[in-house]
Amino acid sequence: MKVKWYVILARFAAGLFLSNSVPHFVAGVMGHPFPTPFASPPGFGDSSAVTNVFWGAFNFAVGYLLVFGFGEFRLGLNLQVLALGVGGLLLSIQLAWHFGEVYHKKMEKSALYAPSGLRTPVPTLRVAGHASIN
């Protein structure tokens, strides 16, 4: 059975959406803020955990519809599965680069960042009526 080109394109797009659903949903379920298109600036600022759960679920739903809403999907060694996997892999690599850059920019702004890498902050002891002791 010959598969139409738009079905292959839908499977590729499904891989993109399914791959994008994972970091958002996981970060949200863990209670962590994470960048979304709704943050300021979009894709770099953090959105709430709840926003990420919804964004991850939305991406999963779109990916699911693109897999099962266009033609007949069959698991196995075929062009549809290849397109799905390539879409997911390509976006996963792009997400790793993007969110790695976002993370490193945030760390550069953090007080815990040192040129040699992360360091453990020195606790400050404050005693009433006295100067801080490090």
C-alpha atoms as a PDB file:
ATOM      1  CA  MET A   1       0.000   0.000   0.000  1.00  0.00           C
ATOM      2  CA  LYS A   2       1.476   3.348  -1.073  1.00  0.00           C
ATOM      3  CA  VAL A   3       1.375   6.040   1.587  1.00  0.00           C
ATOM      4  CA  LYS A   4       0.462   9.570   0.499  1.00  0.00           C
ATOM      5  CA  TRP A   5       3.052  12.328   0.983  1.00  0.00           C
ATOM      6  CA  TYR A   6       0.853  14.302   3.384  1.00  0.00           C
ATOM      7  CA  VAL A   7       0.584  11.260   5.675  1.00  0.00           C
ATOM      8  CA  ILE A   8       4.387  11.091   5.868  1.00  0.00           C
ATOM      9  CA  LEU A   9       4.487  14.830   6.572  1.00  0.00           C
ATOM     10  CA  ALA A  10       1.847  14.377   9.309  1.00  0.00           C
ATOM     11  CA  ARG A  11       3.955  11.609  10.904  1.00  0.00           C
ATOM     12  CA  PHE A  12       7.049  13.835  10.812  1.00  0.00           C
ATOM     13  CA  ALA A  13       5.094  16.684  12.446  1.00  0.00           C
ATOM     14  CA  ALA A  14       3.730  14.218  15.012  1.00  0.00           C
ATOM     15  CA  GLY A  15       7.304  13.372  15.982  1.00  0.00           C
ATOM     16  CA  LEU A  16       7.966  17.077  16.528  1.00  0.00           C
ATOM     17  CA  PHE A  17       4.919  17.569  18.744  1.00  0.00           C
ATOM     18  CA  LEU A  18       5.386  14.344  20.707  1.00  0.00           C
ATOM     19  CA  SER A  19       9.029  15.152  21.351  1.00  0.00           C
ATOM     20  CA  ASN A  20       8.156  18.685  22.494  1.00  0.00           C
ATOM     21  CA  SER A  21       5.504  17.366  24.881  1.00  0.00           C
ATOM     22  CA  VAL A  22       8.006  15.460  27.026  1.00  0.00           C
ATOM     23  CA  PRO A  23      10.149  18.225  28.614  1.00  0.00           C
ATOM     24  CA  HIS A  24       7.168  20.477  29.258  1.00  0.00           C
ATOM     25  CA  PHE A  25       4.982  17.791  30.790  1.00  0.00           C
ATOM     26  CA  VAL A  26       7.805  16.347  32.915  1.00  0.00           C
ATOM     27  CA  ALA A  27       8.953  19.763  34.177  1.00  0.00           C
ATOM     28  CA  GLY A  28       5.362  20.658  35.010  1.00  0.00           C
ATOM     29  CA  VAL A  29       4.641  17.416  36.846  1.00  0.00           C
ATOM     30  CA  MET A  30       7.859  17.889  38.835  1.00  0.00           C
ATOM     31  CA  GLY A  31       6.662  21.367  39.814  1.00  0.00           C
ATOM     32  CA  HIS A  32       9.461  23.175  37.987  1.00  0.00           C
ATOM     33  CA  PRO A  33       9.080  26.319  35.895  1.00  0.00           C
ATOM     34  CA  PHE A  34      10.254  25.851  32.320  1.00  0.00           C
ATOM     35  CA  PRO A  35      10.340  28.026  29.164  1.00  0.00           C
ATOM     36  CA  THR A  36       7.248  28.040  26.943  1.00  0.00           C
ATOM     37  CA  PRO A  37       6.036  30.232  24.070  1.00  0.00           C
ATOM     38  CA  PHE A  38       3.808  32.026  26.605  1.00  0.00           C
ATOM     39  CA  ALA A  39       6.691  33.289  28.757  1.00  0.00           C
ATOM     40  CA  SER A  40       8.430  36.620  28.412  1.00  0.00           C
ATOM     41  CA  PRO A  41      10.523  36.492  26.317  1.00  0.00           C
ATOM     42  CA  PRO A  42       8.885  33.555  24.512  1.00  0.00           C
ATOM     43  CA  GLY A  43      10.954  30.380  24.663  1.00  0.00           C
ATOM     44  CA  PHE A  44      13.461  31.865  27.117  1.00  0.00           C
ATOM     45  CA  GLY A  45      11.494  33.065  30.141  1.00  0.00           C
ATOM     46  CA  ASP A  46       9.974  30.547  32.508  1.00  0.00           C
ATOM     47  CA  SER A  47       6.295  29.625  32.673  1.00  0.00           C
ATOM     48  CA  SER A  48       4.658  28.045  35.692  1.00  0.00           C
ATOM     49  CA  ALA A  49       4.564  24.311  36.256  1.00  0.00           C
ATOM     50  CA  VAL A  50       0.816  24.227  35.553  1.00  0.00           C
ATOM     51  CA  THR A  51       1.279  26.071  32.255  1.00  0.00           C
ATOM     52  CA  ASN A  52       3.898  23.490  31.297  1.00  0.00           C
ATOM     53  CA  VAL A  53       1.585  20.585  32.120  1.00  0.00           C
ATOM     54  CA  PHE A  54      -1.082  22.073  29.856  1.00  0.00           C
ATOM     55  CA  TRP A  55       1.431  22.895  27.110  1.00  0.00           C
ATOM     56  CA  GLY A  56       2.905  19.385  27.265  1.00  0.00           C
ATOM     57  CA  ALA A  57      -0.562  17.794  27.179  1.00  0.00           C
ATOM     58  CA  PHE A  58      -1.548  19.992  24.219  1.00  0.00           C
ATOM     59  CA  ASN A  59       1.584  18.975  22.289  1.00  0.00           C
ATOM     60  CA  PHE A  60       0.901  15.315  23.074  1.00  0.00           C
ATOM     61  CA  ALA A  61      -2.718  15.609  21.888  1.00  0.00           C
ATOM     62  CA  VAL A  62      -1.671  17.247  18.604  1.00  0.00           C
ATOM     63  CA  GLY A  63       1.023  14.604  18.073  1.00  0.00           C
ATOM     64  CA  TYR A  64      -1.485  11.828  18.794  1.00  0.00           C
ATOM     65  CA  LEU A  65      -3.973  13.286  16.306  1.00  0.00           C
ATOM     66  CA  LEU A  66      -1.265  13.561  13.649  1.00  0.00           C
ATOM     67  CA  VAL A  67      -0.349   9.896  14.148  1.00  0.00           C
ATOM     68  CA  PHE A  68      -3.829   8.410  14.291  1.00  0.00           C
ATOM     69  CA  GLY A  69      -5.890  11.051  12.456  1.00  0.00           C
ATOM     70  CA  PHE A  70      -4.306  10.718   9.005  1.00  0.00           C
ATOM     71  CA  GLY A  71      -4.556   7.400   7.224  1.00  0.00           C
ATOM     72  CA  GLU A  72      -3.806   4.072   8.827  1.00  0.00           C
ATOM     73  CA  PHE A  73      -0.792   3.979  11.138  1.00  0.00           C
ATOM     74  CA  ARG A  74       1.112   0.727  11.371  1.00  0.00           C
ATOM     75  CA  LEU A  75       4.030   0.064  13.643  1.00  0.00           C
ATOM     76  CA  GLY A  76       6.947  -1.694  12.050  1.00  0.00           C
ATOM     77  CA  LEU A  77       9.844  -0.953   9.783  1.00  0.00           C
ATOM     78  CA  ASN A  78       8.189   1.462   7.384  1.00  0.00           C
ATOM     79  CA  LEU A  79       8.352   5.036   6.104  1.00  0.00           C
ATOM     80  CA  GLN A  80       5.694   6.297   8.529  1.00  0.00           C
ATOM     81  CA  VAL A  81       7.604   5.147  11.610  1.00  0.00           C
ATOM     82  CA  LEU A  82      10.849   6.485  10.129  1.00  0.00           C
ATOM     83  CA  ALA A  83       9.266   9.925   9.547  1.00  0.00           C
ATOM     84  CA  LEU A  84       7.865   9.928  13.105  1.00  0.00           C
ATOM     85  CA  GLY A  85      11.260   8.994  14.559  1.00  0.00           C
ATOM     86  CA  VAL A  86      13.231  11.474  12.454  1.00  0.00           C
ATOM     87  CA  GLY A  87      10.867  14.303  13.410  1.00  0.00           C
ATOM     88  CA  GLY A  88      11.191  13.431  17.085  1.00  0.00           C
ATOM     89  CA  LEU A  89      14.958  13.045  16.942  1.00  0.00           C
ATOM     90  CA  LEU A  90      15.550  16.296  15.051  1.00  0.00           C
ATOM     91  CA  LEU A  91      13.423  18.335  17.417  1.00  0.00           C
ATOM     92  CA  SER A  92      14.988  16.630  20.448  1.00  0.00           C
ATOM     93  CA  ILE A  93      18.451  17.692  19.260  1.00  0.00           C
ATOM     94  CA  GLN A  94      17.236  21.240  18.632  1.00  0.00           C
ATOM     95  CA  LEU A  95      15.553  21.364  22.056  1.00  0.00           C
ATOM     96  CA  ALA A  96      18.754  20.145  23.731  1.00  0.00           C
ATOM     97  CA  TRP A  97      20.732  22.947  22.077  1.00  0.00           C
ATOM     98  CA  HIS A  98      18.114  25.592  22.778  1.00  0.00           C
ATOM     99  CA  PHE A  99      17.370  24.737  26.402  1.00  0.00           C
ATOM    100  CA  GLY A 100      21.084  24.168  27.073  1.00  0.00           C
ATOM    101  CA  GLU A 101      21.705  27.728  25.894  1.00  0.00           C
ATOM    102  CA  VAL A 102      18.801  29.040  27.973  1.00  0.00           C
ATOM    103  CA  TYR A 103      20.091  27.203  31.049  1.00  0.00           C
ATOM    104  CA  HIS A 104      23.661  28.490  30.631  1.00  0.00           C
ATOM    105  CA  LYS A 105      22.482  32.083  30.143  1.00  0.00           C
ATOM    106  CA  LYS A 106      20.462  31.800  33.360  1.00  0.00           C
ATOM    107  CA  MET A 107      23.471  30.378  35.185  1.00  0.00           C
ATOM    108  CA  GLU A 108      25.660  33.253  33.974  1.00  0.00           C
ATOM    109  CA  LYS A 109      23.212  35.670  35.575  1.00  0.00           C
ATOM    110  CA  SER A 110      23.088  33.645  38.777  1.00  0.00           C
ATOM    111  CA  ALA A 111      25.225  34.556  41.764  1.00  0.00           C
ATOM    112  CA  LEU A 112      26.318  30.915  41.938  1.00  0.00           C
ATOM    113  CA  TYR A 113      28.103  31.004  38.596  1.00  0.00           C
ATOM    114  CA  ALA A 114      31.877  31.253  38.539  1.00  0.00           C
ATOM    115  CA  PRO A 115      34.168  31.157  35.469  1.00  0.00           C
ATOM    116  CA  SER A 116      35.497  27.786  36.600  1.00  0.00           C
ATOM    117  CA  GLY A 117      31.984  26.366  36.843  1.00  0.00           C
ATOM    118  CA  LEU A 118      29.414  26.014  39.558  1.00  0.00           C
ATOM    119  CA  ARG A 119      30.524  26.550  43.109  1.00  0.00           C
ATOM    120  CA  THR A 120      28.840  25.967  46.407  1.00  0.00           C
ATOM    121  CA  PRO A 121      27.751  29.223  48.026  1.00  0.00           C
ATOM    122  CA  VAL A 122      29.328  30.054  51.363  1.00  0.00           C
ATOM    123  CA  PRO A 123      26.610  30.346  54.001  1.00  0.00           C
ATOM    124  CA  THR A 124      26.399  33.672  55.786  1.00  0.00           C
ATOM    125  CA  LEU A 125      25.839  33.701  59.524  1.00  0.00           C
ATOM    126  CA  ARG A 126      23.965  36.759  60.744  1.00  0.00           C
ATOM    127  CA  VAL A 127      24.081  37.533  64.415  1.00  0.00           C
ATOM    128  CA  ALA A 128      21.761  40.192  65.784  1.00  0.00           C
ATOM    129  CA  GLY A 129      23.669  43.442  66.390  1.00  0.00           C
ATOM    130  CA  HIS A 130      26.852  42.179  64.691  1.00  0.00           C
ATOM    131  CA  ALA A 131      28.284  42.198  61.189  1.00  0.00           C
ATOM    132  CA  SER A 132      27.797  39.174  58.952  1.00  0.00           C
ATOM    133  CA  ILE A 133      30.254  36.349  59.477  1.00  0.00           C
ATOM    134  CA  ASN A 134      31.316  34.203  56.503  1.00  0.00           C
END
